[in-house]
Amino acid sequence: MTSIHTNITALTGQQNQRKSQSDLSTAMERLSSGLRINSAKDDAAGLAISNRMETNLRANDAVSKGLNDGISLMQTAEGALDGINGLLQRGRQLALQAASDTLSSEDRSAIHNEFLQIVEEVDRIAMDTQAFEKHLLAPTSQRQEVTELGNTKTIKNALQVAKGAWDNGRSSGTDPIGFIPKGTTNLVIEINSLGADDDIQLFTRNGAHLVGTPMVEGDSNATDATWTARGITTEQDMKDDLLNEANGFSDQVAYDGSSLFHNTSHYDATGGATRTVAGMEITYSGDGDWHDNVINDGNNSPYPSTAYERVLIQEVKEPLFLAVTGSGSYDMMVDWDHMPDGPPKHPTSTPTDIVMSANSGDKANKLTIEPTPADSQTLGLDEISLSTGQGASAALGALDDALAKVDEYRSHYGALNNRFDSAIDNLTQQSISTEAAQSRILDADYAVETANMMKVQILQQAGQSLLAQANQLPQTALTLLG
């Protein structure tokens, strides 16, 4: 049918022209962006799949960074443990040296003083080592104040009067009056035995007799009457009556008087001789009942009359048990500049969760790095004393246990480090494979898109030419009117 109102041929040409124009726009968009899918209309399913892959790729990247942070954290802790291991090795070497009977008490005291510095350095490393604000080597909780060892309270809780005041009419015996905490400074202990024979005795937790009057098994001439009057004539008697767990001493305790500061040179109730015992500077008046050479008895008398005794310790380096032995009554005064109410606050270690994987649609898979506390208390160093031969021999087992624990920690970190390295390698390979799959879905094929663009450009040019001819078709109707 010939019609001038509706040009079907031109309309068809216009429709094809619009389609070729849309195809040309699509081809140019893909070639300019490099992507086959630029919006959901290009490939709705492919876009969803590609988006999930992108989620996994970004997750793998974040997880890899977290794993590397975990490796850095463990390497920091392992490096610190290596330093602690070196200190423990030196401590064991000192214990072996102190266990030899060829050393004097002064030699052992010097060795013990070095060991105390080792213990303090172990604590400093354990408390100060951190990465990402994590303290993996610190204790898992705050150290609690120790107000009682066995049935023995701290001296300030055991006193019936204020510090620096005289507590009169006390009964002497063999049970500890109280213990003096580590860290106490300028400690002064004075007694007046009121003319009787009562003596100050100081012990460490492992049974080392540091200050007082001797107890020598099997030698009544060398054993002070304050012990024999209480029926203590053997080391087993000493352990049963005084150095037992109920009184707060170590379960492995054994009496050791090799470091005893007896001060037989002279007696001075207001001063005395000074020695370093178990790493502590101690000034001791001596036992007035044992001395003929009296410098000062407190009453300007040439001989002891009231039997004053005095002990001054500059700084207490380990808990000390105070007892006053004898069979009478005495007055006592205890004073100090500083006595810790409890251990100082310190960082604590907590578990550290490291994400191992977090794929789209899955929960985060985590691995927990557990704390590895390596402070002196956890490693069992706080009760070691090298001031006596017996203490040094017992210390070897404790130091071996501490070294074994450090080795266990380091092995744990080494195994986790290898696992994290393997996980990072696996995530890298996953990302490579995922990116390849995503590229096949998402990226434009330049060969195909270039061919498509050339095709639609030709179609568009041909369509324009044919559309011009189609627009001339209605003019044929004019010939019918002529």
Protein backbone atom coordinates (compact mmCIF):
# COMPACT_ATOMS: atom_id res chain seq x y z
CA MET A 1 0.00 0.00 0.00
CA THR A 2 1.29 3.42 -0.96
CA SER A 3 0.83 5.97 1.85
CA ILE A 4 2.19 9.39 2.68
CA HIS A 5 0.69 9.54 6.21
CA THR A 6 2.71 6.63 7.63
CA ASN A 7 6.17 5.78 6.26
CA ILE A 8 6.67 2.26 7.52
CA THR A 9 10.07 1.95 5.89
CA ALA A 10 11.33 5.12 7.57
CA LEU A 11 9.98 4.02 10.96
CA THR A 12 11.77 0.69 10.64
CA GLY A 13 14.97 2.49 9.70
CA GLN A 14 14.65 4.78 12.72
CA GLN A 15 14.17 1.80 15.05
CA ASN A 16 17.27 0.08 13.71
CA GLN A 17 19.19 3.37 13.96
CA ARG A 18 18.29 3.69 17.65
CA LYS A 19 19.38 0.08 18.29
CA SER A 20 22.72 0.56 16.55
CA GLN A 21 23.25 3.79 18.48
CA SER A 22 22.59 1.95 21.80
CA ASP A 23 24.95 -0.87 20.79
CA LEU A 24 27.61 1.68 19.86
CA SER A 25 27.22 3.40 23.25
CA THR A 26 27.52 0.06 25.03
CA ALA A 27 30.64 -0.90 23.08
CA MET A 28 32.29 2.47 23.70
CA GLU A 29 31.40 2.31 27.43
CA ARG A 30 33.00 -1.13 27.77
CA LEU A 31 36.08 -0.09 25.84
CA SER A 32 36.52 3.09 27.88
CA SER A 33 35.95 1.42 31.29
CA GLY A 34 37.58 -1.91 30.52
CA LEU A 35 34.59 -3.68 32.07
CA ARG A 36 32.03 -5.89 30.42
CA ILE A 37 29.56 -5.25 33.24
CA ASN A 38 29.10 -1.56 34.02
CA SER A 39 25.60 -1.81 35.47
CA ALA A 40 23.13 -4.50 36.41
CA LYS A 41 21.45 -4.33 32.98
CA ASP A 42 24.65 -5.62 31.35
CA ASP A 43 24.56 -8.94 33.29
CA ALA A 44 22.54 -9.08 36.51
CA ALA A 45 23.69 -12.57 37.56
CA GLY A 46 27.30 -11.87 36.58
CA LEU A 47 27.27 -8.64 38.61
CA ALA A 48 26.09 -10.49 41.75
CA ILE A 49 28.73 -13.20 41.33
CA SER A 50 31.45 -10.63 40.68
CA ASN A 51 30.40 -8.61 43.72
CA ARG A 52 30.72 -11.66 45.99
CA MET A 53 34.15 -12.30 44.54
CA GLU A 54 35.12 -8.69 45.23
CA THR A 55 33.97 -9.15 48.84
CA ASN A 56 36.22 -12.21 49.20
CA LEU A 57 39.17 -10.43 47.61
CA ARG A 58 38.88 -7.50 50.00
CA ALA A 59 38.41 -9.87 52.93
CA ASN A 60 41.54 -11.83 51.95
CA ASP A 61 43.52 -8.60 51.80
CA ALA A 62 42.33 -7.52 55.27
CA VAL A 63 42.92 -10.99 56.73
CA SER A 64 46.46 -11.07 55.30
CA LYS A 65 47.21 -7.76 56.97
CA GLY A 66 45.82 -9.08 60.26
CA LEU A 67 47.93 -12.24 59.98
CA ASN A 68 51.05 -10.17 59.36
CA ASP A 69 50.20 -8.10 62.44
CA GLY A 70 49.82 -11.35 64.40
CA ILE A 71 53.24 -12.48 63.17
CA SER A 72 54.76 -9.17 64.27
CA LEU A 73 53.10 -9.56 67.68
CA MET A 74 54.50 -13.06 68.15
CA GLN A 75 57.95 -12.11 66.89
CA THR A 76 58.05 -9.32 69.47
CA ALA A 77 57.09 -11.72 72.26
CA GLU A 78 59.48 -14.42 71.03
CA GLY A 79 62.35 -11.94 70.90
CA ALA A 80 61.66 -10.92 74.50
CA LEU A 81 61.52 -14.59 75.53
CA ASP A 82 64.95 -15.04 73.98
CA GLY A 83 66.22 -12.30 76.32
CA ILE A 84 64.56 -13.98 79.30
CA ASN A 85 66.10 -17.30 78.26
CA GLY A 86 69.55 -15.72 78.37
CA LEU A 87 68.88 -14.37 81.86
CA LEU A 88 67.68 -17.77 83.07
CA GLN A 89 70.77 -19.43 81.64
CA ARG A 90 72.91 -16.97 83.60
CA GLY A 91 70.80 -17.59 86.70
CA ARG A 92 71.38 -21.35 86.41
CA GLN A 93 75.08 -20.74 85.99
CA LEU A 94 75.06 -18.70 89.20
CA ALA A 95 73.10 -21.44 91.01
CA LEU A 96 75.72 -24.02 90.02
CA GLN A 97 78.45 -21.69 91.22
CA ALA A 98 76.68 -21.03 94.54
CA ALA A 99 76.08 -24.74 95.13
CA SER A 100 79.81 -25.33 95.54
CA ASP A 101 80.99 -25.71 99.14
CA THR A 102 84.20 -23.84 98.35
CA LEU A 103 82.36 -20.51 98.54
CA SER A 104 82.07 -18.41 101.66
CA SER A 105 78.79 -16.88 102.81
CA GLU A 106 80.01 -13.51 101.49
CA ASP A 107 80.65 -15.05 98.07
CA ARG A 108 77.16 -16.55 97.99
CA SER A 109 75.69 -13.24 99.10
CA ALA A 110 77.32 -11.52 96.12
CA ILE A 111 76.02 -14.23 93.80
CA HIS A 112 72.52 -13.96 95.26
CA ASN A 113 72.61 -10.20 94.79
CA GLU A 114 73.32 -10.67 91.08
CA PHE A 115 70.50 -13.21 90.88
CA LEU A 116 68.08 -10.70 92.40
CA GLN A 117 68.99 -8.29 89.60
CA ILE A 118 68.27 -11.05 87.09
CA VAL A 119 64.83 -11.60 88.62
CA GLU A 120 64.06 -7.89 88.44
CA GLU A 121 65.14 -7.76 84.80
CA VAL A 122 62.94 -10.75 83.95
CA ASP A 123 59.98 -8.86 85.43
CA ARG A 124 60.90 -5.67 83.57
CA ILE A 125 61.01 -7.50 80.24
CA ALA A 126 57.76 -9.37 80.93
CA MET A 127 55.89 -6.21 81.95
CA ASP A 128 57.31 -3.81 79.36
CA THR A 129 57.22 -5.97 76.22
CA GLN A 130 54.26 -4.91 74.10
CA ALA A 131 53.03 -4.67 70.54
CA PHE A 132 49.68 -3.26 69.41
CA GLU A 133 49.06 -2.47 73.11
CA LYS A 134 49.20 -6.18 73.91
CA HIS A 135 51.41 -7.51 76.74
CA LEU A 136 51.71 -11.22 75.96
CA LEU A 137 54.39 -11.91 78.62
CA ALA A 138 52.71 -10.13 81.54
CA PRO A 139 50.71 -12.06 84.17
CA THR A 140 47.09 -12.78 83.30
CA SER A 141 45.84 -10.93 86.39
CA GLN A 142 47.04 -8.37 88.90
CA ARG A 143 49.21 -9.80 91.63
CA GLN A 144 47.21 -9.86 94.81
CA GLU A 145 48.44 -8.42 98.09
CA VAL A 146 49.92 -11.14 100.27
CA THR A 147 48.86 -10.41 103.82
CA GLU A 148 49.46 -13.91 105.17
CA LEU A 149 51.93 -16.72 104.51
CA GLY A 150 50.59 -19.83 106.14
CA ASN A 151 49.40 -18.61 109.52
CA THR A 152 51.93 -15.77 109.59
CA LYS A 153 50.68 -12.25 108.85
CA THR A 154 52.69 -9.30 107.62
CA ILE A 155 54.51 -7.62 110.49
CA LYS A 156 52.35 -4.49 110.37
CA ASN A 157 49.19 -6.62 110.61
CA ALA A 158 50.73 -8.72 113.39
CA LEU A 159 51.78 -5.81 115.59
CA GLN A 160 49.48 -4.77 118.41
CA VAL A 161 50.76 -1.20 118.32
CA ALA A 162 51.52 1.43 115.66
CA LYS A 163 54.82 1.26 113.80
CA GLY A 164 57.62 2.89 115.72
CA ALA A 165 55.87 2.32 119.06
CA TRP A 166 56.99 -0.12 121.74
CA ASP A 167 54.89 -3.25 122.21
CA ASN A 168 55.52 -4.26 125.83
CA GLY A 169 55.25 -7.56 127.63
CA ARG A 170 55.38 -9.94 124.68
CA SER A 171 56.10 -13.62 125.30
CA SER A 172 59.03 -15.14 123.45
CA GLY A 173 58.77 -18.44 121.63
CA THR A 174 59.60 -20.10 118.33
CA ASP A 175 56.61 -19.17 116.20
CA PRO A 176 57.17 -16.32 113.73
CA ILE A 177 55.79 -12.97 114.87
CA GLY A 178 55.21 -11.88 111.27
CA PHE A 179 56.90 -11.59 107.91
CA ILE A 180 58.41 -8.48 106.37
CA PRO A 181 57.38 -8.06 102.71
CA LYS A 182 59.86 -7.59 99.90
CA GLY A 183 60.40 -3.91 99.15
CA THR A 184 60.33 -2.70 102.77
CA THR A 185 62.93 0.05 103.29
CA ASN A 186 64.85 1.25 106.34
CA LEU A 187 63.46 -1.51 108.53
CA VAL A 188 64.36 -1.22 112.22
CA ILE A 189 63.71 -4.00 114.74
CA GLU A 190 64.57 -3.46 118.42
CA ILE A 191 63.90 -5.60 121.48
CA ASN A 192 64.55 -5.26 125.17
CA SER A 193 64.61 -8.72 126.69
CA LEU A 194 64.22 -7.21 130.17
CA GLY A 195 67.33 -8.91 131.52
CA ALA A 196 66.39 -12.33 130.17
CA ASP A 197 67.83 -14.15 127.17
CA ASP A 198 65.52 -13.38 124.23
CA ASP A 199 66.98 -12.96 120.75
CA ILE A 200 65.93 -11.61 117.34
CA GLN A 201 65.92 -14.26 114.59
CA LEU A 202 65.39 -13.58 110.87
CA PHE A 203 64.78 -16.31 108.27
CA THR A 204 64.05 -16.41 104.55
CA ARG A 205 61.20 -18.51 103.17
CA ASN A 206 63.59 -21.27 102.16
CA GLY A 207 64.99 -21.63 105.67
CA ALA A 208 68.16 -19.55 105.45
CA HIS A 209 69.01 -18.18 108.91
CA LEU A 210 70.21 -14.62 108.20
CA VAL A 211 70.35 -12.86 111.57
CA GLY A 212 70.29 -14.12 115.16
CA THR A 213 71.88 -16.75 117.32
CA PRO A 214 73.13 -20.11 116.01
CA MET A 215 71.60 -23.54 116.15
CA VAL A 216 74.27 -26.14 115.39
CA GLU A 217 73.09 -29.73 115.31
CA GLY A 218 75.07 -32.00 117.60
CA ASP A 219 77.10 -29.21 119.19
CA SER A 220 75.57 -27.96 122.41
CA ASN A 221 78.51 -25.63 122.97
CA ALA A 222 77.77 -23.79 119.71
CA THR A 223 73.97 -23.73 120.01
CA ASP A 224 72.40 -20.75 121.74
CA ALA A 225 70.38 -21.35 124.90
CA THR A 226 67.32 -19.70 123.37
CA TRP A 227 67.06 -22.74 121.08
CA THR A 228 67.94 -25.48 123.55
CA ALA A 229 65.55 -23.99 126.12
CA ARG A 230 62.78 -24.64 123.62
CA GLY A 231 63.96 -28.18 122.95
CA ILE A 232 65.36 -27.36 119.52
CA THR A 233 68.64 -29.22 119.21
CA THR A 234 68.45 -30.65 115.68
CA GLU A 235 67.60 -29.33 112.25
CA GLN A 236 64.54 -31.55 112.24
CA ASP A 237 63.39 -29.92 115.50
CA MET A 238 63.85 -26.54 113.81
CA LYS A 239 61.80 -27.65 110.81
CA ASP A 240 59.04 -29.16 112.94
CA ASP A 241 58.70 -26.22 115.35
CA LEU A 242 59.46 -23.20 113.19
CA LEU A 243 60.29 -23.82 109.52
CA ASN A 244 57.05 -25.52 108.53
CA GLU A 245 54.38 -24.84 105.93
CA ALA A 246 51.83 -23.84 108.58
CA ASN A 247 54.10 -20.93 109.48
CA GLY A 248 54.43 -19.94 105.81
CA PHE A 249 57.77 -21.50 104.84
CA SER A 250 58.37 -23.31 101.58
CA ASP A 251 57.42 -26.99 101.47
CA GLN A 252 61.01 -27.76 100.41
CA VAL A 253 62.51 -25.83 103.31
CA ALA A 254 65.67 -26.98 105.06
CA TYR A 255 67.47 -25.13 107.83
CA ASP A 256 70.65 -23.44 106.61
CA GLY A 257 72.78 -21.40 108.98
CA SER A 258 75.75 -20.96 106.64
CA SER A 259 74.91 -17.27 106.04
CA LEU A 260 74.08 -16.45 109.65
CA PHE A 261 75.11 -12.93 110.73
CA HIS A 262 75.82 -13.49 114.43
CA ASN A 263 78.09 -10.46 115.02
CA THR A 264 80.46 -11.93 117.59
CA SER A 265 82.97 -9.09 117.17
CA HIS A 266 81.31 -6.62 119.50
CA TYR A 267 77.96 -5.62 120.92
CA ASP A 268 76.42 -2.19 120.33
CA ALA A 269 72.75 -1.77 121.19
CA THR A 270 72.50 1.52 119.29
CA GLY A 271 74.45 0.46 116.20
CA GLY A 272 76.47 -2.64 115.46
CA ALA A 273 78.39 -4.25 112.62
CA THR A 274 77.23 -4.08 109.00
CA ARG A 275 77.31 -6.89 106.46
CA THR A 276 75.65 -7.71 103.16
CA VAL A 277 73.61 -10.87 103.66
CA ALA A 278 71.53 -12.40 100.85
CA GLY A 279 71.94 -9.20 98.87
CA MET A 280 70.71 -7.00 101.74
CA GLU A 281 72.77 -4.50 103.77
CA ILE A 282 72.14 -5.43 107.39
CA THR A 283 73.36 -3.70 110.53
CA TYR A 284 73.09 -5.91 113.63
CA SER A 285 73.85 -4.98 117.24
CA GLY A 286 74.74 -8.55 118.11
CA ASP A 287 73.43 -10.67 120.97
CA GLY A 288 74.32 -8.95 124.24
CA ASP A 289 74.10 -12.21 126.16
CA TRP A 290 76.96 -13.65 124.10
CA HIS A 291 79.40 -10.75 124.22
CA ASP A 292 81.97 -9.62 126.72
CA ASN A 293 83.15 -6.85 124.41
CA VAL A 294 80.42 -4.25 124.92
CA ILE A 295 80.58 -0.92 123.11
CA ASN A 296 77.18 0.36 124.14
CA ASP A 297 74.34 -1.49 125.83
CA GLY A 298 71.96 1.47 125.77
CA ASN A 299 72.54 2.30 129.44
CA ASN A 300 76.23 3.31 129.26
CA SER A 301 77.10 0.19 131.21
CA PRO A 302 80.29 -1.84 130.52
CA TYR A 303 78.22 -5.04 130.44
CA PRO A 304 74.80 -5.85 129.01
CA SER A 305 72.14 -5.30 131.60
CA THR A 306 68.86 -4.92 129.76
CA ALA A 307 69.98 -6.92 126.67
CA TYR A 308 68.82 -4.60 123.95
CA GLU A 309 69.11 -5.92 120.39
CA ARG A 310 68.74 -3.96 117.17
CA VAL A 311 68.61 -4.88 113.48
CA LEU A 312 68.55 -2.37 110.61
CA ILE A 313 67.97 -3.46 106.98
CA GLN A 314 68.27 -0.85 104.21
CA GLU A 315 65.98 -2.68 101.79
CA VAL A 316 64.31 -6.07 102.13
CA LYS A 317 64.94 -8.02 98.90
CA GLU A 318 62.81 -11.07 99.76
CA PRO A 319 60.20 -11.89 102.41
CA LEU A 320 61.79 -12.30 105.86
CA PHE A 321 60.27 -14.05 108.88
CA LEU A 322 60.80 -12.47 112.29
CA ALA A 323 60.85 -14.53 115.46
CA VAL A 324 62.05 -13.73 118.98
CA THR A 325 63.26 -16.92 120.65
CA GLY A 326 63.68 -17.45 124.38
CA SER A 327 61.72 -18.37 127.44
CA GLY A 328 60.80 -15.02 128.93
CA SER A 329 59.09 -11.81 127.94
CA TYR A 330 60.36 -8.79 126.04
CA ASP A 331 59.46 -5.38 124.67
CA MET A 332 59.67 -4.82 120.90
CA MET A 333 59.58 -1.90 118.48
CA VAL A 334 59.40 -2.22 114.69
CA ASP A 335 59.69 0.77 112.36
CA TRP A 336 60.16 1.36 108.64
CA ASP A 337 60.07 4.09 106.00
CA HIS A 338 58.07 2.18 103.41
CA MET A 339 56.34 -1.17 103.54
CA PRO A 340 54.40 -2.20 100.41
CA ASP A 341 50.67 -2.64 100.87
CA GLY A 342 50.73 -4.92 97.85
CA PRO A 343 52.55 -5.46 94.58
CA PRO A 344 52.61 -2.46 92.21
CA LYS A 345 50.06 -2.33 89.41
CA HIS A 346 51.27 -3.86 86.19
CA PRO A 347 49.95 -4.66 82.70
CA THR A 348 48.06 -7.90 82.23
CA SER A 349 48.06 -10.20 79.23
CA THR A 350 44.84 -11.20 77.50
CA PRO A 351 44.07 -13.63 74.65
CA THR A 352 44.49 -12.19 71.15
CA ASP A 353 42.07 -13.30 68.42
CA ILE A 354 43.44 -13.31 64.86
CA VAL A 355 41.00 -13.69 61.93
CA MET A 356 42.14 -16.52 59.67
CA SER A 357 39.40 -16.24 57.00
CA ALA A 358 36.16 -14.33 56.41
CA ASN A 359 34.58 -15.32 53.09
CA SER A 360 31.27 -13.87 51.93
CA GLY A 361 28.36 -15.51 53.73
CA ASP A 362 30.59 -17.19 56.35
CA LYS A 363 31.39 -16.25 59.94
CA ALA A 364 34.89 -15.01 60.65
CA ASN A 365 37.19 -17.95 61.42
CA LYS A 366 39.49 -16.92 64.29
CA LEU A 367 42.56 -18.35 65.98
CA THR A 368 43.38 -17.30 69.55
CA ILE A 369 46.93 -16.52 70.64
CA GLU A 370 46.90 -17.39 74.33
CA PRO A 371 48.92 -15.36 76.88
CA THR A 372 52.39 -16.63 77.74
CA PRO A 373 53.14 -15.03 81.14
CA ALA A 374 56.88 -15.03 81.78
CA ASP A 375 57.20 -12.90 84.91
CA SER A 376 59.33 -14.09 87.83
CA GLN A 377 56.34 -15.26 89.85
CA THR A 378 54.89 -17.35 87.02
CA LEU A 379 58.31 -18.83 86.25
CA GLY A 380 58.83 -19.70 89.93
CA LEU A 381 61.83 -17.42 90.46
CA ASP A 382 60.44 -15.43 93.39
CA GLU A 383 61.17 -18.14 95.96
CA ILE A 384 64.72 -18.94 94.76
CA SER A 385 67.61 -17.97 96.99
CA LEU A 386 71.28 -18.53 96.18
CA SER A 387 72.52 -17.22 99.52
CA THR A 388 72.95 -20.78 100.83
CA GLY A 389 74.36 -23.96 99.35
CA GLN A 390 71.14 -25.86 99.93
CA GLY A 391 69.08 -23.08 98.40
CA ALA A 392 71.37 -23.00 95.35
CA SER A 393 71.04 -26.75 94.86
CA ALA A 394 67.25 -26.56 95.12
CA ALA A 395 67.25 -23.64 92.68
CA LEU A 396 68.57 -25.80 89.84
CA GLY A 397 65.29 -27.69 89.51
CA ALA A 398 63.23 -24.48 89.60
CA LEU A 399 65.43 -22.85 86.95
CA ASP A 400 65.20 -25.94 84.74
CA ASP A 401 61.40 -25.75 85.01
CA ALA A 402 61.50 -22.04 84.12
CA LEU A 403 63.70 -22.72 81.08
CA ALA A 404 61.36 -25.52 79.99
CA LYS A 405 58.36 -23.17 80.23
CA VAL A 406 60.14 -20.50 78.16
CA ASP A 407 61.07 -23.15 75.57
CA GLU A 408 57.43 -24.24 75.46
CA TYR A 409 56.31 -20.65 74.86
CA ARG A 410 58.87 -20.12 72.10
CA SER A 411 57.93 -23.39 70.39
CA HIS A 412 54.28 -22.36 70.50
CA TYR A 413 55.05 -19.03 68.87
CA GLY A 414 57.25 -20.67 66.26
CA ALA A 415 54.53 -23.13 65.28
CA LEU A 416 51.90 -20.37 65.06
CA ASN A 417 54.27 -18.21 63.03
CA ASN A 418 54.69 -21.01 60.48
CA ARG A 419 50.93 -21.54 60.42
CA PHE A 420 50.30 -17.85 59.75
CA ASP A 421 52.88 -17.83 56.96
CA SER A 422 51.12 -20.80 55.37
CA ALA A 423 47.72 -19.10 55.76
CA ILE A 424 49.03 -15.95 54.05
CA ASP A 425 50.39 -18.01 51.14
CA ASN A 426 47.04 -19.77 50.81
CA LEU A 427 45.11 -16.48 50.87
CA THR A 428 47.43 -15.07 48.20
CA GLN A 429 46.79 -18.06 45.95
CA GLN A 430 43.04 -17.81 46.59
CA SER A 431 43.11 -14.14 45.63
CA ILE A 432 44.96 -14.89 42.38
CA SER A 433 42.44 -17.57 41.41
CA THR A 434 39.47 -15.41 42.42
CA GLU A 435 40.76 -12.41 40.47
CA ALA A 436 41.18 -14.61 37.39
CA ALA A 437 37.60 -15.86 37.71
CA GLN A 438 36.30 -12.36 38.33
CA SER A 439 38.16 -11.08 35.29
CA ARG A 440 36.45 -13.63 33.05
CA ILE A 441 33.07 -12.44 34.31
CA LEU A 442 33.64 -8.72 34.70
CA ASP A 443 36.38 -7.54 32.35
CA ALA A 444 35.73 -6.47 28.76
CA ASP A 445 37.21 -8.52 25.89
CA TYR A 446 38.76 -5.80 23.79
CA ALA A 447 38.86 -7.92 20.64
CA VAL A 448 35.15 -8.67 20.86
CA GLU A 449 34.14 -5.16 21.88
CA THR A 450 36.26 -3.53 19.15
CA ALA A 451 34.65 -5.78 16.51
CA ASN A 452 31.21 -4.96 17.90
CA MET A 453 31.95 -1.23 17.76
CA MET A 454 33.15 -1.42 14.16
CA LYS A 455 30.05 -3.44 13.22
CA VAL A 456 27.58 -1.02 14.81
CA GLN A 457 29.42 1.97 13.32
CA ILE A 458 28.97 0.44 9.83
CA LEU A 459 25.35 -0.39 10.56
CA GLN A 460 24.75 3.14 11.77
CA GLN A 461 26.25 4.68 8.63
CA ALA A 462 24.27 2.33 6.36
CA GLY A 463 21.12 3.01 8.34
CA GLN A 464 21.51 6.74 7.94
CA SER A 465 21.86 6.36 4.17
CA LEU A 466 18.88 4.03 3.88
CA LEU A 467 16.79 6.23 6.17
CA ALA A 468 17.39 9.12 3.78
CA GLN A 469 16.13 6.99 0.89
CA ALA A 470 13.13 5.80 2.92
CA ASN A 471 12.16 9.41 3.53
CA GLN A 472 11.94 9.93 -0.26
CA LEU A 473 9.45 7.08 -0.78
CA PRO A 474 6.23 9.15 -0.08
CA GLN A 475 7.17 11.42 -2.97
CA THR A 476 6.25 8.60 -5.39
CA ALA A 477 2.65 9.19 -4.46
CA LEU A 478 2.79 12.60 -6.17
CA THR A 479 3.13 10.94 -9.56
CA LEU A 480 -0.30 9.48 -9.07
CA LEU A 481 -1.77 12.98 -8.68
CA GLY A 482 -0.26 14.23 -11.96
